Amino acid sequence: MVTDSDPARLLEKIRAANGGGDVHLVGGPRTIETFRAMGTLDKLELVVLPVFFGDGIRLTPSINPGAQLIFETQRALDGGSVEIVYTCDGSRDPPNWPASQLDRN
């Protein structure tokens, strides 16, 4: 596991550790939006777990229609979950979030 409070530095550490191959990040909405806005997401793979309480959680509050997420596939999983895959085409200016607000999972 590699960690760093700076997203760009974290990405470079991971790329260096795996010889420039694919990088797989696990995180929540802020992690997704941070790396998508940096233009470093090629693919976004989500697993939606059906939990019925409250109003739910928005994937990312700052994503807009210009995000250019292109639907690729969907697949039903055991237990009622669904895997949804998008190709990420294009980027926007990175959000100005303090490193302390980035997901650390």
C-alpha atoms as a PDB file:
ATOM      1  CA  MET A   1       0.000   0.000   0.000  1.00  0.00           C
ATOM      2  CA  VAL A   2       1.284   3.452  -0.953  1.00  0.00           C
ATOM      3  CA  THR A   3       0.028   6.652   0.686  1.00  0.00           C
ATOM      4  CA  ASP A   4       0.636  10.366   0.278  1.00  0.00           C
ATOM      5  CA  SER A   5      -1.445  13.446   1.068  1.00  0.00           C
ATOM      6  CA  ASP A   6      -0.702  14.974  -2.354  1.00  0.00           C
ATOM      7  CA  PRO A   7      -2.662  13.248  -5.168  1.00  0.00           C
ATOM      8  CA  ALA A   8      -0.107  13.978  -7.927  1.00  0.00           C
ATOM      9  CA  ARG A   9       2.786  12.761  -5.779  1.00  0.00           C
ATOM     10  CA  LEU A  10       0.784   9.663  -4.782  1.00  0.00           C
ATOM     11  CA  LEU A  11       0.182   8.822  -8.433  1.00  0.00           C
ATOM     12  CA  GLU A  12       3.874   9.174  -9.230  1.00  0.00           C
ATOM     13  CA  LYS A  13       4.829   6.930  -6.291  1.00  0.00           C
ATOM     14  CA  ILE A  14       2.398   4.241  -7.444  1.00  0.00           C
ATOM     15  CA  ARG A  15       3.562   4.467 -11.056  1.00  0.00           C
ATOM     16  CA  ALA A  16       7.200   4.206  -9.965  1.00  0.00           C
ATOM     17  CA  ALA A  17       6.438   1.214  -7.728  1.00  0.00           C
ATOM     18  CA  ASN A  18       4.765  -0.759 -10.517  1.00  0.00           C
ATOM     19  CA  GLY A  19       7.064   0.224 -13.386  1.00  0.00           C
ATOM     20  CA  GLY A  20       4.581   2.517 -15.123  1.00  0.00           C
ATOM     21  CA  GLY A  21       1.804  -0.072 -15.436  1.00  0.00           C
ATOM     22  CA  ASP A  22      -1.862   0.343 -14.625  1.00  0.00           C
ATOM     23  CA  VAL A  23      -2.741   2.035 -11.347  1.00  0.00           C
ATOM     24  CA  HIS A  24      -5.798   0.919  -9.405  1.00  0.00           C
ATOM     25  CA  LEU A  25      -7.200   3.306  -6.811  1.00  0.00           C
ATOM     26  CA  VAL A  26      -9.813   2.495  -4.214  1.00  0.00           C
ATOM     27  CA  GLY A  27     -11.696   5.359  -2.656  1.00  0.00           C
ATOM     28  CA  GLY A  28     -14.838   7.356  -2.397  1.00  0.00           C
ATOM     29  CA  PRO A  29     -16.315  10.369  -4.156  1.00  0.00           C
ATOM     30  CA  ARG A  30     -13.468  12.794  -3.417  1.00  0.00           C
ATOM     31  CA  THR A  31     -10.819  10.358  -4.587  1.00  0.00           C
ATOM     32  CA  ILE A  32     -12.758   9.669  -7.791  1.00  0.00           C
ATOM     33  CA  GLU A  33     -13.312  13.339  -8.551  1.00  0.00           C
ATOM     34  CA  THR A  34      -9.754  14.380  -7.670  1.00  0.00           C
ATOM     35  CA  PHE A  35      -8.137  11.905 -10.075  1.00  0.00           C
ATOM     36  CA  ARG A  36     -10.826  12.364 -12.739  1.00  0.00           C
ATOM     37  CA  ALA A  37     -10.289  16.132 -12.649  1.00  0.00           C
ATOM     38  CA  MET A  38      -6.526  15.580 -12.969  1.00  0.00           C
ATOM     39  CA  GLY A  39      -7.255  13.702 -16.198  1.00  0.00           C
ATOM     40  CA  THR A  40      -5.705  10.493 -14.880  1.00  0.00           C
ATOM     41  CA  LEU A  41      -8.772   8.227 -14.849  1.00  0.00           C
ATOM     42  CA  ASP A  42      -9.112   6.020 -17.913  1.00  0.00           C
ATOM     43  CA  LYS A  43     -11.851   3.862 -16.478  1.00  0.00           C
ATOM     44  CA  LEU A  44     -14.257   4.134 -13.552  1.00  0.00           C
ATOM     45  CA  GLU A  45     -15.564   0.848 -12.168  1.00  0.00           C
ATOM     46  CA  LEU A  46     -18.316   1.156  -9.569  1.00  0.00           C
ATOM     47  CA  VAL A  47     -20.042  -1.479  -7.491  1.00  0.00           C
ATOM     48  CA  VAL A  48     -23.457  -0.298  -6.355  1.00  0.00           C
ATOM     49  CA  LEU A  49     -24.671  -1.990  -3.186  1.00  0.00           C
ATOM     50  CA  PRO A  50     -28.397  -1.712  -2.525  1.00  0.00           C
ATOM     51  CA  VAL A  51     -28.844  -0.265   0.954  1.00  0.00           C
ATOM     52  CA  PHE A  52     -32.254   1.168   1.640  1.00  0.00           C
ATOM     53  CA  PHE A  53     -32.122   3.988   4.150  1.00  0.00           C
ATOM     54  CA  GLY A  54     -32.149   7.768   3.925  1.00  0.00           C
ATOM     55  CA  ASP A  55     -31.632   9.546   0.636  1.00  0.00           C
ATOM     56  CA  GLY A  56     -28.419   7.799  -0.383  1.00  0.00           C
ATOM     57  CA  ILE A  57     -25.072   9.372  -1.123  1.00  0.00           C
ATOM     58  CA  ARG A  58     -24.280  11.194  -4.315  1.00  0.00           C
ATOM     59  CA  LEU A  59     -21.222   9.739  -6.083  1.00  0.00           C
ATOM     60  CA  THR A  60     -19.535  13.108  -6.323  1.00  0.00           C
ATOM     61  CA  PRO A  61     -21.174  16.473  -5.720  1.00  0.00           C
ATOM     62  CA  SER A  62     -18.914  18.375  -8.092  1.00  0.00           C
ATOM     63  CA  ILE A  63     -19.187  16.198 -11.193  1.00  0.00           C
ATOM     64  CA  ASN A  64     -21.058  17.825 -14.056  1.00  0.00           C
ATOM     65  CA  PRO A  65     -22.331  16.749 -17.496  1.00  0.00           C
ATOM     66  CA  GLY A  66     -19.018  17.890 -19.020  1.00  0.00           C
ATOM     67  CA  ALA A  67     -17.228  15.093 -17.156  1.00  0.00           C
ATOM     68  CA  GLN A  68     -17.522  12.903 -20.263  1.00  0.00           C
ATOM     69  CA  LEU A  69     -18.178   9.607 -18.500  1.00  0.00           C
ATOM     70  CA  ILE A  70     -19.092   7.126 -21.227  1.00  0.00           C
ATOM     71  CA  PHE A  71     -21.098   4.053 -20.215  1.00  0.00           C
ATOM     72  CA  GLU A  72     -19.247   0.857 -21.088  1.00  0.00           C
ATOM     73  CA  THR A  73     -20.786  -2.158 -19.324  1.00  0.00           C
ATOM     74  CA  GLN A  74     -22.950  -3.319 -16.470  1.00  0.00           C
ATOM     75  CA  ARG A  75     -23.078  -6.654 -14.686  1.00  0.00           C
ATOM     76  CA  ALA A  76     -25.335  -8.046 -11.986  1.00  0.00           C
ATOM     77  CA  LEU A  77     -23.431  -9.484  -9.009  1.00  0.00           C
ATOM     78  CA  ASP A  78     -24.506 -11.890  -6.282  1.00  0.00           C
ATOM     79  CA  GLY A  79     -26.598 -10.353  -3.529  1.00  0.00           C
ATOM     80  CA  GLY A  80     -28.255  -7.756  -5.739  1.00  0.00           C
ATOM     81  CA  SER A  81     -25.209  -5.551  -6.310  1.00  0.00           C
ATOM     82  CA  VAL A  82     -24.402  -4.146  -9.743  1.00  0.00           C
ATOM     83  CA  GLU A  83     -21.009  -3.398 -11.299  1.00  0.00           C
ATOM     84  CA  ILE A  84     -21.084  -0.401 -13.671  1.00  0.00           C
ATOM     85  CA  VAL A  85     -18.081   0.546 -15.804  1.00  0.00           C
ATOM     86  CA  TYR A  86     -17.501   3.913 -17.478  1.00  0.00           C
ATOM     87  CA  THR A  87     -14.705   5.083 -19.733  1.00  0.00           C
ATOM     88  CA  CYS A  88     -13.415   8.507 -18.685  1.00  0.00           C
ATOM     89  CA  ASP A  89     -12.762  10.824 -21.610  1.00  0.00           C
ATOM     90  CA  GLY A  90     -11.498  14.310 -20.853  1.00  0.00           C
ATOM     91  CA  SER A  91     -10.929  16.187 -17.635  1.00  0.00           C
ATOM     92  CA  ARG A  92     -11.692  19.406 -15.863  1.00  0.00           C
ATOM     93  CA  ASP A  93      -9.625  21.641 -13.621  1.00  0.00           C
ATOM     94  CA  PRO A  94      -8.733  19.837 -10.383  1.00  0.00           C
ATOM     95  CA  PRO A  95     -10.874  20.728  -7.391  1.00  0.00           C
ATOM     96  CA  ASN A  96      -9.151  22.872  -4.795  1.00  0.00           C
ATOM     97  CA  TRP A  97      -9.629  20.526  -1.833  1.00  0.00           C
ATOM     98  CA  PRO A  98      -7.188  20.463   1.059  1.00  0.00           C
ATOM     99  CA  ALA A  99      -5.349  17.162   1.248  1.00  0.00           C
ATOM    100  CA  SER A 100      -6.959  16.546   4.638  1.00  0.00           C
ATOM    101  CA  GLN A 101     -10.357  16.223   2.902  1.00  0.00           C
ATOM    102  CA  LEU A 102      -9.308  13.499   0.457  1.00  0.00           C
ATOM    103  CA  ASP A 103     -10.548   9.980   1.097  1.00  0.00           C
ATOM    104  CA  ARG A 104      -7.952   7.769   2.664  1.00  0.00           C
ATOM    105  CA  ASN A 105      -9.517   4.348   2.059  1.00  0.00           C
END
